[in-house]
Protein backbone atom coordinates (compact mmCIF):
# COMPACT_ATOMS: atom_id res chain seq x y z
CA UNK A 1 -232.87 -0.45 -38.93
CA UNK A 2 -232.54 3.03 -40.34
CA UNK A 3 -232.27 3.09 -44.12
CA UNK A 4 -229.20 4.66 -45.65
CA UNK A 5 -229.92 7.86 -47.55
CA UNK A 6 -227.94 9.14 -50.51
CA UNK A 7 -228.09 12.88 -51.05
CA UNK A 8 -228.49 14.00 -54.64
CA UNK A 9 -225.86 16.24 -56.29
CA UNK A 10 -228.34 19.11 -55.95
CA UNK A 11 -228.70 18.51 -52.21
CA UNK A 12 -224.92 18.33 -51.80
CA UNK A 13 -224.56 21.62 -53.70
CA UNK A 14 -227.17 23.26 -51.48
CA UNK A 15 -225.42 21.98 -48.36
CA UNK A 16 -222.07 23.26 -49.65
CA UNK A 17 -223.56 26.67 -50.40
CA UNK A 18 -225.05 26.88 -46.92
CA UNK A 19 -221.77 25.72 -45.41
CA UNK A 20 -219.88 28.53 -47.10
CA UNK A 21 -222.40 31.08 -45.83
CA UNK A 22 -222.16 29.66 -42.32
CA UNK A 23 -218.36 29.64 -42.50
CA UNK A 24 -218.29 33.30 -43.50
CA UNK A 25 -220.59 34.29 -40.65
CA UNK A 26 -218.59 32.20 -38.17
CA UNK A 27 -215.30 33.72 -39.32
CA UNK A 28 -216.63 37.24 -38.76
CA UNK A 29 -217.83 36.42 -35.24
CA UNK A 30 -214.65 34.53 -34.33
CA UNK A 31 -212.48 37.40 -35.56
CA UNK A 32 -214.26 39.64 -33.06
CA UNK A 33 -213.77 37.05 -30.30
CA UNK A 34 -210.05 36.99 -31.15
CA UNK A 35 -209.69 40.74 -30.74
CA UNK A 36 -210.36 41.62 -34.38
CA UNK A 37 -207.58 39.38 -35.66
CA UNK A 38 -208.37 38.34 -39.20
CA UNK A 39 -209.58 34.75 -39.29
CA UNK A 40 -210.66 32.96 -42.44
CA UNK A 41 -212.82 29.87 -42.41
CA UNK A 42 -213.23 27.71 -45.49
CA UNK A 43 -215.16 24.56 -46.38
CA UNK A 44 -212.90 22.34 -48.49
CA UNK A 45 -215.35 19.44 -48.65
CA UNK A 46 -218.96 18.48 -47.90
CA UNK A 47 -219.88 14.80 -47.93
CA UNK A 48 -222.27 12.22 -46.54
CA UNK A 49 -220.68 9.18 -44.94
CA UNK A 50 -221.02 6.68 -42.12
CA UNK A 51 -220.13 7.58 -38.57
CA UNK A 52 -217.04 5.35 -38.79
CA UNK A 53 -215.89 7.05 -41.99
CA UNK A 54 -216.37 10.50 -40.48
CA UNK A 55 -214.13 9.48 -37.56
CA UNK A 56 -211.29 8.80 -39.98
CA UNK A 57 -211.53 12.39 -41.22
CA UNK A 58 -210.34 13.58 -37.83
CA UNK A 59 -207.50 11.10 -37.37
CA UNK A 60 -209.06 7.79 -36.41
CA UNK A 61 -210.51 6.18 -33.29
CA UNK A 62 -207.43 6.60 -31.09
CA UNK A 63 -206.77 10.27 -31.83
CA UNK A 64 -207.51 12.73 -29.03
CA UNK A 65 -210.13 15.26 -30.06
CA UNK A 66 -212.24 18.05 -28.64
CA UNK A 67 -215.94 17.51 -29.26
CA UNK A 68 -218.59 20.21 -28.92
CA UNK A 69 -222.10 18.79 -28.95
CA UNK A 70 -225.35 20.72 -29.38
CA UNK A 71 -228.96 19.55 -29.40
CA UNK A 72 -231.14 21.10 -32.11
CA UNK A 73 -234.84 21.75 -31.51
CA UNK A 74 -237.65 23.76 -33.07
CA UNK A 75 -239.04 22.82 -36.48
CA UNK A 76 -236.38 20.13 -36.82
CA UNK A 77 -234.91 18.03 -34.04
CA UNK A 78 -231.46 16.52 -34.01
CA UNK A 79 -227.87 17.03 -33.01
CA UNK A 80 -224.89 18.96 -34.27
CA UNK A 81 -221.31 18.04 -33.35
CA UNK A 82 -218.24 20.13 -34.05
CA UNK A 83 -215.07 18.11 -33.55
CA UNK A 84 -211.43 19.01 -34.02
CA UNK A 85 -208.07 17.51 -33.05
CA UNK A 86 -206.69 18.39 -29.62
CA UNK A 87 -203.64 19.99 -31.25
CA UNK A 88 -205.92 22.32 -33.22
CA UNK A 89 -207.75 23.25 -30.02
CA UNK A 90 -204.48 24.07 -28.28
CA UNK A 91 -203.33 26.20 -31.22
CA UNK A 92 -206.56 28.16 -31.12
CA UNK A 93 -206.30 28.63 -27.36
CA UNK A 94 -202.94 30.34 -27.84
CA UNK A 95 -204.92 33.15 -29.47
CA UNK A 96 -207.97 32.99 -27.20
CA UNK A 97 -206.02 33.06 -23.92
CA UNK A 98 -202.56 34.36 -24.84
CA UNK A 99 -199.71 34.04 -22.36
CA UNK A 100 -201.44 31.31 -20.35
CA UNK A 101 -200.14 27.80 -19.75
CA UNK A 102 -202.55 25.55 -21.61
CA UNK A 103 -204.04 22.82 -19.43
CA UNK A 104 -207.66 22.74 -20.68
CA UNK A 105 -208.90 24.17 -17.39
CA UNK A 106 -212.34 25.71 -16.91
CA UNK A 107 -211.34 29.02 -18.53
CA UNK A 108 -210.01 27.30 -21.64
CA UNK A 109 -212.95 24.91 -21.83
CA UNK A 110 -215.30 27.89 -21.69
CA UNK A 111 -213.37 29.58 -24.51
CA UNK A 112 -213.60 26.47 -26.70
CA UNK A 113 -217.31 26.12 -25.93
CA UNK A 114 -217.80 29.67 -27.16
CA UNK A 115 -215.93 28.85 -30.37
CA UNK A 116 -218.13 25.80 -30.88
CA UNK A 117 -221.26 27.77 -30.09
CA UNK A 118 -220.35 30.41 -32.68
CA UNK A 119 -219.57 27.84 -35.37
CA UNK A 120 -222.68 25.72 -34.78
CA UNK A 121 -224.99 28.73 -34.43
CA UNK A 122 -223.62 30.26 -37.64
CA UNK A 123 -224.39 27.10 -39.60
CA UNK A 124 -227.83 26.66 -38.05
CA UNK A 125 -228.70 30.32 -38.68
CA UNK A 126 -227.70 29.94 -42.34
CA UNK A 127 -229.80 26.78 -42.59
CA UNK A 128 -232.77 28.41 -40.84
CA UNK A 129 -232.64 31.48 -43.07
CA UNK A 130 -232.49 29.36 -46.22
CA UNK A 131 -235.31 27.00 -45.23
CA UNK A 132 -237.59 29.24 -43.18
CA UNK A 133 -237.36 26.70 -40.35
CA UNK A 134 -236.88 27.62 -36.70
CA UNK A 135 -233.75 25.84 -35.44
CA UNK A 136 -232.77 26.38 -31.81
CA UNK A 137 -229.38 25.21 -30.47
CA UNK A 138 -228.94 24.11 -26.87
CA UNK A 139 -226.10 25.23 -24.62
CA UNK A 140 -223.02 23.42 -26.00
CA UNK A 141 -221.45 20.53 -24.11
CA UNK A 142 -217.73 19.84 -24.48
CA UNK A 143 -215.69 16.67 -24.11
CA UNK A 144 -212.00 15.89 -24.56
CA UNK A 145 -211.44 12.21 -25.29
CA UNK A 146 -210.30 9.77 -27.95
CA UNK A 147 -212.45 10.02 -31.06
CA UNK A 148 -213.79 6.49 -30.67
CA UNK A 149 -215.33 7.30 -27.28
CA UNK A 150 -216.96 10.50 -28.51
CA UNK A 151 -218.32 8.82 -31.64
CA UNK A 152 -219.69 5.97 -29.51
CA UNK A 153 -221.59 8.48 -27.38
CA UNK A 154 -223.05 10.16 -30.47
CA UNK A 155 -224.02 6.80 -31.92
CA UNK A 156 -225.70 5.70 -28.69
CA UNK A 157 -227.78 8.88 -28.52
CA UNK A 158 -228.53 9.49 -32.20
CA UNK A 159 -228.58 5.97 -33.60
CA UNK A 160 -227.06 7.20 -36.86
CA UNK A 161 -224.56 5.03 -38.71
CA UNK A 162 -224.67 5.42 -42.48
CA UNK A 163 -225.87 8.88 -43.46
CA UNK A 164 -224.15 11.68 -41.57
CA UNK A 165 -223.77 14.98 -43.46
CA UNK A 166 -220.19 16.07 -42.69
CA UNK A 167 -218.77 19.53 -43.35
CA UNK A 168 -214.97 19.68 -43.29
CA UNK A 169 -213.76 23.06 -42.08
CA UNK A 170 -210.41 24.84 -42.04
CA UNK A 171 -209.62 27.90 -39.94
CA UNK A 172 -206.74 30.09 -41.10
CA UNK A 173 -205.34 32.58 -38.58
CA UNK A 174 -202.18 34.18 -39.87
CA UNK A 175 -199.86 31.36 -40.83
CA UNK A 176 -201.62 28.83 -38.62
CA UNK A 177 -204.35 26.48 -39.76
CA UNK A 178 -206.83 24.47 -37.68
CA UNK A 179 -208.98 21.69 -39.09
CA UNK A 180 -212.26 20.27 -37.85
CA UNK A 181 -215.48 18.61 -38.93
CA UNK A 182 -219.08 19.62 -38.36
CA UNK A 183 -221.61 16.78 -38.34
CA UNK A 184 -225.31 17.53 -38.75
CA UNK A 185 -227.49 14.71 -37.46
CA UNK A 186 -231.23 15.38 -37.89
CA UNK A 187 -233.59 12.80 -36.45
CA UNK A 188 -234.95 10.40 -39.11
CA UNK A 189 -238.36 12.04 -39.51
CA UNK A 190 -236.76 15.44 -40.05
CA UNK A 191 -233.94 14.52 -42.43
CA UNK A 192 -235.89 14.75 -45.66
CA UNK A 193 -237.92 17.69 -44.37
CA UNK A 194 -234.85 19.87 -44.13
CA UNK A 195 -233.76 19.15 -47.69
CA UNK A 196 -237.30 19.47 -49.01
CA UNK A 197 -237.42 22.94 -47.47
CA UNK A 198 -234.05 23.75 -49.02
CA UNK A 199 -235.19 22.65 -52.46
CA UNK A 200 -238.45 24.59 -52.10
CA UNK A 201 -236.52 27.76 -51.28
CA UNK A 202 -234.11 27.16 -54.16
CA UNK A 203 -236.86 26.74 -56.75
CA UNK A 204 -238.76 29.79 -55.49
CA UNK A 205 -235.81 32.15 -55.93
């Protein structure tokens, strides 16, 4: 059984700092994708919780969500999932594909995959720059399902229950807001290595 890990306040602060950097980079790239409309992306909370607890942050097991799932390789292996409520996805699609009836067809799925790719890549790039690690994301996969089904798939593949770093995110586009969560799931042997590298970089600056 995998032992539960508690991140120290210093590690949480480092993760929050990286999250804000990643959010800023993602917002810039997404604004370009949206035709230079001004989009702001903030990180209201960073926490470490169980997989079940993280599911409640997005509305519970029966809520319909859009999940974008990326494998991470390089100096650290693992998975990154960016998940947001279906209603948030549909709101964002109104800007990505304006004037189109929203049915989550292949065009809309591709647009959401690109959003997820930008968000995940922005966070991984911030983490890589801060740690000196090489972190390579795979092509993103997307699923639309109830949260319980998506979390079950993540659990089956990653085997993580008690120690998922979760980054709550909020997109603000004009008067509209979209919420989501980013879950970083390093494999057990790499979990401490990432934070050791973060602490090493912090103490050397």
